[in-house]
Amino acid sequence: MDASKNDALERHDNLSDGIFNLLHPILERLNGKLENVRATQSLLDENILRLIVDLRELHKLQDIPIPLDSYIKRLQLAKRKVSSVNTILQNSKDRLEKLHQNIATETRKKKNLT
């Protein structure tokens, strides 16, 4: 009975190691890509903010008023959407990091048991 139990535990450990080895590089690549997207989203957010400020200044300096308010509102809406996507990306990144930590913890526990 003990031999069959040990064999079952060993197969389980091998399966866990295999899953970890399969998921680890995928999670690392995904995490890196999320970081790149977050950085790009932040730059986009900054550029939209600068454009809004520039449009407001242009609007103030114009002798003939051009209706820029609607464009400014659209940019503000786009900025909110970018911020929302950035929040979603951060939450996804946090979940991936937690999953990665949990997988690593489980793998260490199983290696310590053997």
N, C-alpha and C. Protein backbone atom coordinates (compact mmCIF):
# COMPACT_ATOMS: atom_id res chain seq x y z
N MET A 1 0.82 -1.20 0.00
CA MET A 1 0.00 0.00 0.00
C MET A 1 0.86 1.26 0.00
N ASP A 2 1.92 1.27 0.80
CA ASP A 2 2.79 2.44 0.86
C ASP A 2 3.49 2.68 -0.46
N ALA A 3 3.86 1.63 -1.16
CA ALA A 3 4.54 1.78 -2.46
C ALA A 3 3.59 2.41 -3.48
N SER A 4 2.35 1.98 -3.49
CA SER A 4 1.40 2.55 -4.45
C SER A 4 1.08 4.00 -4.10
N LYS A 5 1.05 4.30 -2.81
CA LYS A 5 0.81 5.68 -2.37
C LYS A 5 1.97 6.58 -2.77
N ASN A 6 3.20 6.07 -2.60
CA ASN A 6 4.38 6.83 -2.99
C ASN A 6 4.42 7.04 -4.51
N ASP A 7 4.02 6.01 -5.27
CA ASP A 7 3.98 6.13 -6.73
C ASP A 7 2.96 7.20 -7.14
N ALA A 8 1.81 7.20 -6.49
CA ALA A 8 0.77 8.18 -6.80
C ALA A 8 1.26 9.59 -6.48
N LEU A 9 1.93 9.75 -5.33
CA LEU A 9 2.47 11.06 -4.96
C LEU A 9 3.54 11.51 -5.94
N GLU A 10 4.37 10.58 -6.38
CA GLU A 10 5.43 10.91 -7.33
C GLU A 10 4.84 11.35 -8.67
N ARG A 11 3.81 10.62 -9.13
CA ARG A 11 3.15 11.01 -10.37
C ARG A 11 2.51 12.39 -10.24
N HIS A 12 1.90 12.63 -9.09
CA HIS A 12 1.28 13.93 -8.83
C HIS A 12 2.33 15.02 -8.83
N ASP A 13 3.48 14.77 -8.19
CA ASP A 13 4.56 15.76 -8.17
C ASP A 13 5.10 16.01 -9.57
N ASN A 14 5.24 14.94 -10.36
CA ASN A 14 5.72 15.10 -11.73
C ASN A 14 4.74 15.92 -12.55
N LEU A 15 3.46 15.66 -12.34
CA LEU A 15 2.43 16.42 -13.05
C LEU A 15 2.47 17.89 -12.63
N SER A 16 2.60 18.15 -11.34
CA SER A 16 2.70 19.53 -10.84
C SER A 16 3.92 20.23 -11.41
N ASP A 17 5.05 19.53 -11.42
CA ASP A 17 6.27 20.12 -11.98
C ASP A 17 6.10 20.42 -13.46
N GLY A 18 5.47 19.50 -14.17
CA GLY A 18 5.24 19.71 -15.60
C GLY A 18 4.35 20.91 -15.87
N ILE A 19 3.28 21.03 -15.09
CA ILE A 19 2.38 22.17 -15.25
C ILE A 19 3.12 23.47 -14.93
N PHE A 20 3.90 23.46 -13.87
CA PHE A 20 4.66 24.66 -13.49
C PHE A 20 5.64 25.02 -14.60
N ASN A 21 6.37 24.03 -15.10
CA ASN A 21 7.34 24.30 -16.16
C ASN A 21 6.67 24.78 -17.44
N LEU A 22 5.45 24.36 -17.68
CA LEU A 22 4.70 24.81 -18.85
C LEU A 22 4.19 26.23 -18.66
N LEU A 23 3.65 26.53 -17.49
CA LEU A 23 3.03 27.83 -17.25
C LEU A 23 4.02 28.94 -16.93
N HIS A 24 5.13 28.61 -16.33
CA HIS A 24 6.08 29.63 -15.88
C HIS A 24 6.54 30.55 -17.01
N PRO A 25 7.04 30.03 -18.14
CA PRO A 25 7.47 30.95 -19.20
C PRO A 25 6.31 31.75 -19.81
N ILE A 26 5.15 31.13 -19.88
CA ILE A 26 3.99 31.82 -20.43
C ILE A 26 3.62 33.00 -19.53
N LEU A 27 3.59 32.77 -18.22
CA LEU A 27 3.27 33.84 -17.28
C LEU A 27 4.31 34.95 -17.31
N GLU A 28 5.57 34.57 -17.46
CA GLU A 28 6.63 35.57 -17.52
C GLU A 28 6.48 36.45 -18.77
N ARG A 29 6.21 35.83 -19.91
CA ARG A 29 6.03 36.60 -21.15
C ARG A 29 4.80 37.49 -21.05
N LEU A 30 3.72 36.95 -20.53
CA LEU A 30 2.48 37.73 -20.40
C LEU A 30 2.68 38.91 -19.46
N ASN A 31 3.40 38.68 -18.38
CA ASN A 31 3.69 39.75 -17.43
C ASN A 31 4.51 40.86 -18.10
N GLY A 32 5.49 40.47 -18.89
CA GLY A 32 6.31 41.46 -19.60
C GLY A 32 5.48 42.25 -20.60
N LYS A 33 4.61 41.57 -21.32
CA LYS A 33 3.76 42.26 -22.29
C LYS A 33 2.78 43.20 -21.60
N LEU A 34 2.26 42.79 -20.45
CA LEU A 34 1.37 43.68 -19.70
C LEU A 34 2.11 44.94 -19.25
N GLU A 35 3.34 44.78 -18.84
CA GLU A 35 4.14 45.94 -18.43
C GLU A 35 4.33 46.89 -19.61
N ASN A 36 4.63 46.33 -20.79
CA ASN A 36 4.81 47.17 -21.98
C ASN A 36 3.53 47.91 -22.33
N VAL A 37 2.40 47.24 -22.26
CA VAL A 37 1.13 47.87 -22.58
C VAL A 37 0.81 48.97 -21.56
N ARG A 38 1.07 48.68 -20.30
CA ARG A 38 0.82 49.70 -19.26
C ARG A 38 1.67 50.94 -19.49
N ALA A 39 2.94 50.73 -19.87
CA ALA A 39 3.82 51.87 -20.13
C ALA A 39 3.31 52.68 -21.33
N THR A 40 2.88 51.99 -22.36
CA THR A 40 2.34 52.67 -23.54
C THR A 40 1.06 53.41 -23.20
N GLN A 41 0.20 52.79 -22.40
CA GLN A 41 -1.04 53.44 -21.98
C GLN A 41 -0.75 54.70 -21.17
N SER A 42 0.26 54.64 -20.33
CA SER A 42 0.62 55.82 -19.53
C SER A 42 1.11 56.96 -20.43
N LEU A 43 1.92 56.62 -21.43
CA LEU A 43 2.38 57.64 -22.37
C LEU A 43 1.21 58.24 -23.14
N LEU A 44 0.28 57.40 -23.56
CA LEU A 44 -0.90 57.88 -24.27
C LEU A 44 -1.71 58.82 -23.38
N ASP A 45 -1.86 58.44 -22.12
CA ASP A 45 -2.59 59.26 -21.16
C ASP A 45 -1.93 60.64 -21.01
N GLU A 46 -0.60 60.66 -20.90
CA GLU A 46 0.12 61.92 -20.78
C GLU A 46 -0.03 62.77 -22.04
N ASN A 47 0.05 62.14 -23.21
CA ASN A 47 -0.09 62.88 -24.47
C ASN A 47 -1.48 63.45 -24.64
N ILE A 48 -2.49 62.70 -24.26
CA ILE A 48 -3.86 63.21 -24.33
C ILE A 48 -4.02 64.42 -23.41
N LEU A 49 -3.47 64.31 -22.21
CA LEU A 49 -3.55 65.44 -21.27
C LEU A 49 -2.87 66.68 -21.84
N ARG A 50 -1.68 66.51 -22.43
CA ARG A 50 -0.99 67.64 -23.04
C ARG A 50 -1.80 68.24 -24.19
N LEU A 51 -2.40 67.39 -24.98
CA LEU A 51 -3.21 67.86 -26.11
C LEU A 51 -4.43 68.64 -25.62
N ILE A 52 -5.04 68.18 -24.55
CA ILE A 52 -6.18 68.91 -23.97
C ILE A 52 -5.74 70.30 -23.53
N VAL A 53 -4.62 70.37 -22.84
CA VAL A 53 -4.11 71.67 -22.37
C VAL A 53 -3.79 72.57 -23.57
N ASP A 54 -3.14 72.01 -24.60
CA ASP A 54 -2.81 72.80 -25.78
C ASP A 54 -4.06 73.31 -26.49
N LEU A 55 -5.07 72.46 -26.61
CA LEU A 55 -6.31 72.88 -27.26
C LEU A 55 -7.01 73.99 -26.47
N ARG A 56 -6.97 73.88 -25.16
CA ARG A 56 -7.58 74.95 -24.34
C ARG A 56 -6.85 76.27 -24.53
N GLU A 57 -5.52 76.20 -24.57
CA GLU A 57 -4.73 77.42 -24.79
C GLU A 57 -5.01 78.00 -26.17
N LEU A 58 -5.06 77.14 -27.17
CA LEU A 58 -5.36 77.58 -28.53
C LEU A 58 -6.73 78.23 -28.60
N HIS A 59 -7.67 77.63 -27.91
CA HIS A 59 -9.03 78.17 -27.88
C HIS A 59 -9.06 79.57 -27.27
N LYS A 60 -8.27 79.77 -26.23
CA LYS A 60 -8.22 81.08 -25.58
C LYS A 60 -7.56 82.14 -26.47
N LEU A 61 -6.58 81.73 -27.27
CA LEU A 61 -5.81 82.68 -28.08
C LEU A 61 -6.46 83.02 -29.42
N GLN A 62 -7.44 82.28 -29.83
CA GLN A 62 -8.07 82.50 -31.14
C GLN A 62 -8.90 83.77 -31.15
N ASP A 63 -8.70 84.57 -32.22
CA ASP A 63 -9.54 85.75 -32.40
C ASP A 63 -10.94 85.33 -32.85
N ILE A 64 -10.99 84.38 -33.75
CA ILE A 64 -12.27 83.84 -34.21
C ILE A 64 -12.49 82.54 -33.44
N PRO A 65 -13.49 82.52 -32.60
CA PRO A 65 -13.68 81.31 -31.78
C PRO A 65 -14.02 80.09 -32.64
N ILE A 66 -13.22 79.08 -32.46
CA ILE A 66 -13.46 77.78 -33.11
C ILE A 66 -14.04 76.87 -32.04
N PRO A 67 -15.10 76.18 -32.35
CA PRO A 67 -15.71 75.32 -31.32
C PRO A 67 -14.85 74.09 -31.02
N LEU A 68 -13.91 74.26 -30.11
CA LEU A 68 -13.02 73.16 -29.74
C LEU A 68 -13.52 72.39 -28.52
N ASP A 69 -14.56 72.89 -27.89
CA ASP A 69 -15.06 72.24 -26.67
C ASP A 69 -15.45 70.79 -26.91
N SER A 70 -16.09 70.52 -28.04
CA SER A 70 -16.51 69.14 -28.30
C SER A 70 -15.30 68.22 -28.45
N TYR A 71 -14.23 68.74 -29.06
CA TYR A 71 -13.02 67.94 -29.22
C TYR A 71 -12.32 67.72 -27.88
N ILE A 72 -12.34 68.75 -27.07
CA ILE A 72 -11.75 68.62 -25.73
C ILE A 72 -12.51 67.58 -24.92
N LYS A 73 -13.84 67.60 -25.01
CA LYS A 73 -14.66 66.61 -24.29
C LYS A 73 -14.37 65.20 -24.78
N ARG A 74 -14.20 65.06 -26.09
CA ARG A 74 -13.88 63.74 -26.65
C ARG A 74 -12.52 63.24 -26.13
N LEU A 75 -11.57 64.15 -26.08
CA LEU A 75 -10.26 63.76 -25.56
C LEU A 75 -10.33 63.39 -24.09
N GLN A 76 -11.13 64.11 -23.33
CA GLN A 76 -11.29 63.78 -21.92
C GLN A 76 -11.93 62.41 -21.76
N LEU A 77 -12.90 62.09 -22.60
CA LEU A 77 -13.52 60.77 -22.58
C LEU A 77 -12.50 59.69 -22.93
N ALA A 78 -11.70 59.97 -23.95
CA ALA A 78 -10.66 59.01 -24.34
C ALA A 78 -9.66 58.82 -23.20
N LYS A 79 -9.33 59.90 -22.51
CA LYS A 79 -8.40 59.81 -21.38
C LYS A 79 -8.99 58.94 -20.27
N ARG A 80 -10.27 59.09 -20.00
CA ARG A 80 -10.93 58.25 -18.99
C ARG A 80 -10.89 56.78 -19.39
N LYS A 81 -11.13 56.53 -20.68
CA LYS A 81 -11.09 55.15 -21.16
C LYS A 81 -9.69 54.56 -21.03
N VAL A 82 -8.68 55.35 -21.35
CA VAL A 82 -7.30 54.89 -21.22
C VAL A 82 -7.00 54.59 -19.76
N SER A 83 -7.45 55.45 -18.87
CA SER A 83 -7.24 55.22 -17.44
C SER A 83 -7.94 53.95 -16.98
N SER A 84 -9.12 53.71 -17.49
CA SER A 84 -9.86 52.50 -17.14
C SER A 84 -9.13 51.25 -17.62
N VAL A 85 -8.65 51.29 -18.85
CA VAL A 85 -7.90 50.15 -19.38
C VAL A 85 -6.63 49.94 -18.57
N ASN A 86 -5.99 51.03 -18.18
CA ASN A 86 -4.77 50.93 -17.38
C ASN A 86 -5.06 50.25 -16.05
N THR A 87 -6.17 50.58 -15.43
CA THR A 87 -6.56 49.95 -14.17
C THR A 87 -6.81 48.46 -14.36
N ILE A 88 -7.49 48.10 -15.44
CA ILE A 88 -7.76 46.70 -15.74
C ILE A 88 -6.44 45.95 -15.95
N LEU A 89 -5.52 46.56 -16.68
CA LEU A 89 -4.23 45.93 -16.92
C LEU A 89 -3.46 45.74 -15.62
N GLN A 90 -3.50 46.72 -14.74
CA GLN A 90 -2.81 46.59 -13.46
C GLN A 90 -3.40 45.46 -12.64
N ASN A 91 -4.73 45.37 -12.61
CA ASN A 91 -5.39 44.28 -11.87
C ASN A 91 -5.02 42.93 -12.47
N SER A 92 -4.96 42.84 -13.79
CA SER A 92 -4.58 41.59 -14.45
C SER A 92 -3.14 41.22 -14.10
N LYS A 93 -2.27 42.21 -14.11
CA LYS A 93 -0.87 41.97 -13.77
C LYS A 93 -0.75 41.48 -12.33
N ASP A 94 -1.49 42.11 -11.42
CA ASP A 94 -1.45 41.69 -10.02
C ASP A 94 -1.93 40.25 -9.86
N ARG A 95 -2.99 39.89 -10.59
CA ARG A 95 -3.50 38.51 -10.52
C ARG A 95 -2.49 37.53 -11.07
N LEU A 96 -1.84 37.89 -12.16
CA LEU A 96 -0.82 37.00 -12.74
C LEU A 96 0.35 36.81 -11.78
N GLU A 97 0.78 37.88 -11.14
CA GLU A 97 1.87 37.77 -10.18
C GLU A 97 1.47 36.88 -9.01
N LYS A 98 0.24 37.02 -8.54
CA LYS A 98 -0.23 36.18 -7.44
C LYS A 98 -0.30 34.72 -7.86
N LEU A 99 -0.80 34.47 -9.08
CA LEU A 99 -0.85 33.10 -9.60
C LEU A 99 0.55 32.53 -9.71
N HIS A 100 1.48 33.31 -10.20
CA HIS A 100 2.86 32.87 -10.32
C HIS A 100 3.44 32.53 -8.95
N GLN A 101 3.19 33.37 -7.97
CA GLN A 101 3.68 33.12 -6.62
C GLN A 101 3.05 31.85 -6.03
N ASN A 102 1.75 31.66 -6.25
CA ASN A 102 1.08 30.47 -5.73
C ASN A 102 1.64 29.20 -6.37
N ILE A 103 1.88 29.24 -7.67
CA ILE A 103 2.45 28.07 -8.35
C ILE A 103 3.84 27.78 -7.81
N ALA A 104 4.65 28.81 -7.65
CA ALA A 104 6.01 28.62 -7.12
C ALA A 104 5.97 28.08 -5.70
N THR A 105 5.05 28.58 -4.88
CA THR A 105 4.92 28.11 -3.50
C THR A 105 4.52 26.64 -3.46
N GLU A 106 3.54 26.27 -4.26
CA GLU A 106 3.11 24.87 -4.31
C GLU A 106 4.22 23.96 -4.79
N THR A 107 4.97 24.41 -5.76
CA THR A 107 6.08 23.59 -6.27
C THR A 107 7.14 23.40 -5.20
N ARG A 108 7.46 24.46 -4.48
CA ARG A 108 8.46 24.36 -3.40
C ARG A 108 7.96 23.41 -2.30
N LYS A 109 6.68 23.51 -1.94
CA LYS A 109 6.12 22.63 -0.91
C LYS A 109 6.24 21.17 -1.33
N LYS A 110 5.91 20.89 -2.58
CA LYS A 110 5.93 19.51 -3.05
C LYS A 110 7.35 18.99 -3.14
N LYS A 111 8.30 19.84 -3.49
CA LYS A 111 9.69 19.40 -3.53
C LYS A 111 10.22 19.14 -2.14
N ASN A 112 9.74 19.91 -1.16
CA ASN A 112 10.18 19.71 0.23
C ASN A 112 9.60 18.43 0.81
N LEU A 113 8.43 18.01 0.34
CA LEU A 113 7.81 16.78 0.83
C LEU A 113 8.53 15.54 0.34
N THR A 114 9.18 15.64 -0.82
CA THR A 114 9.85 14.45 -1.37
C THR A 114 11.26 14.32 -0.90
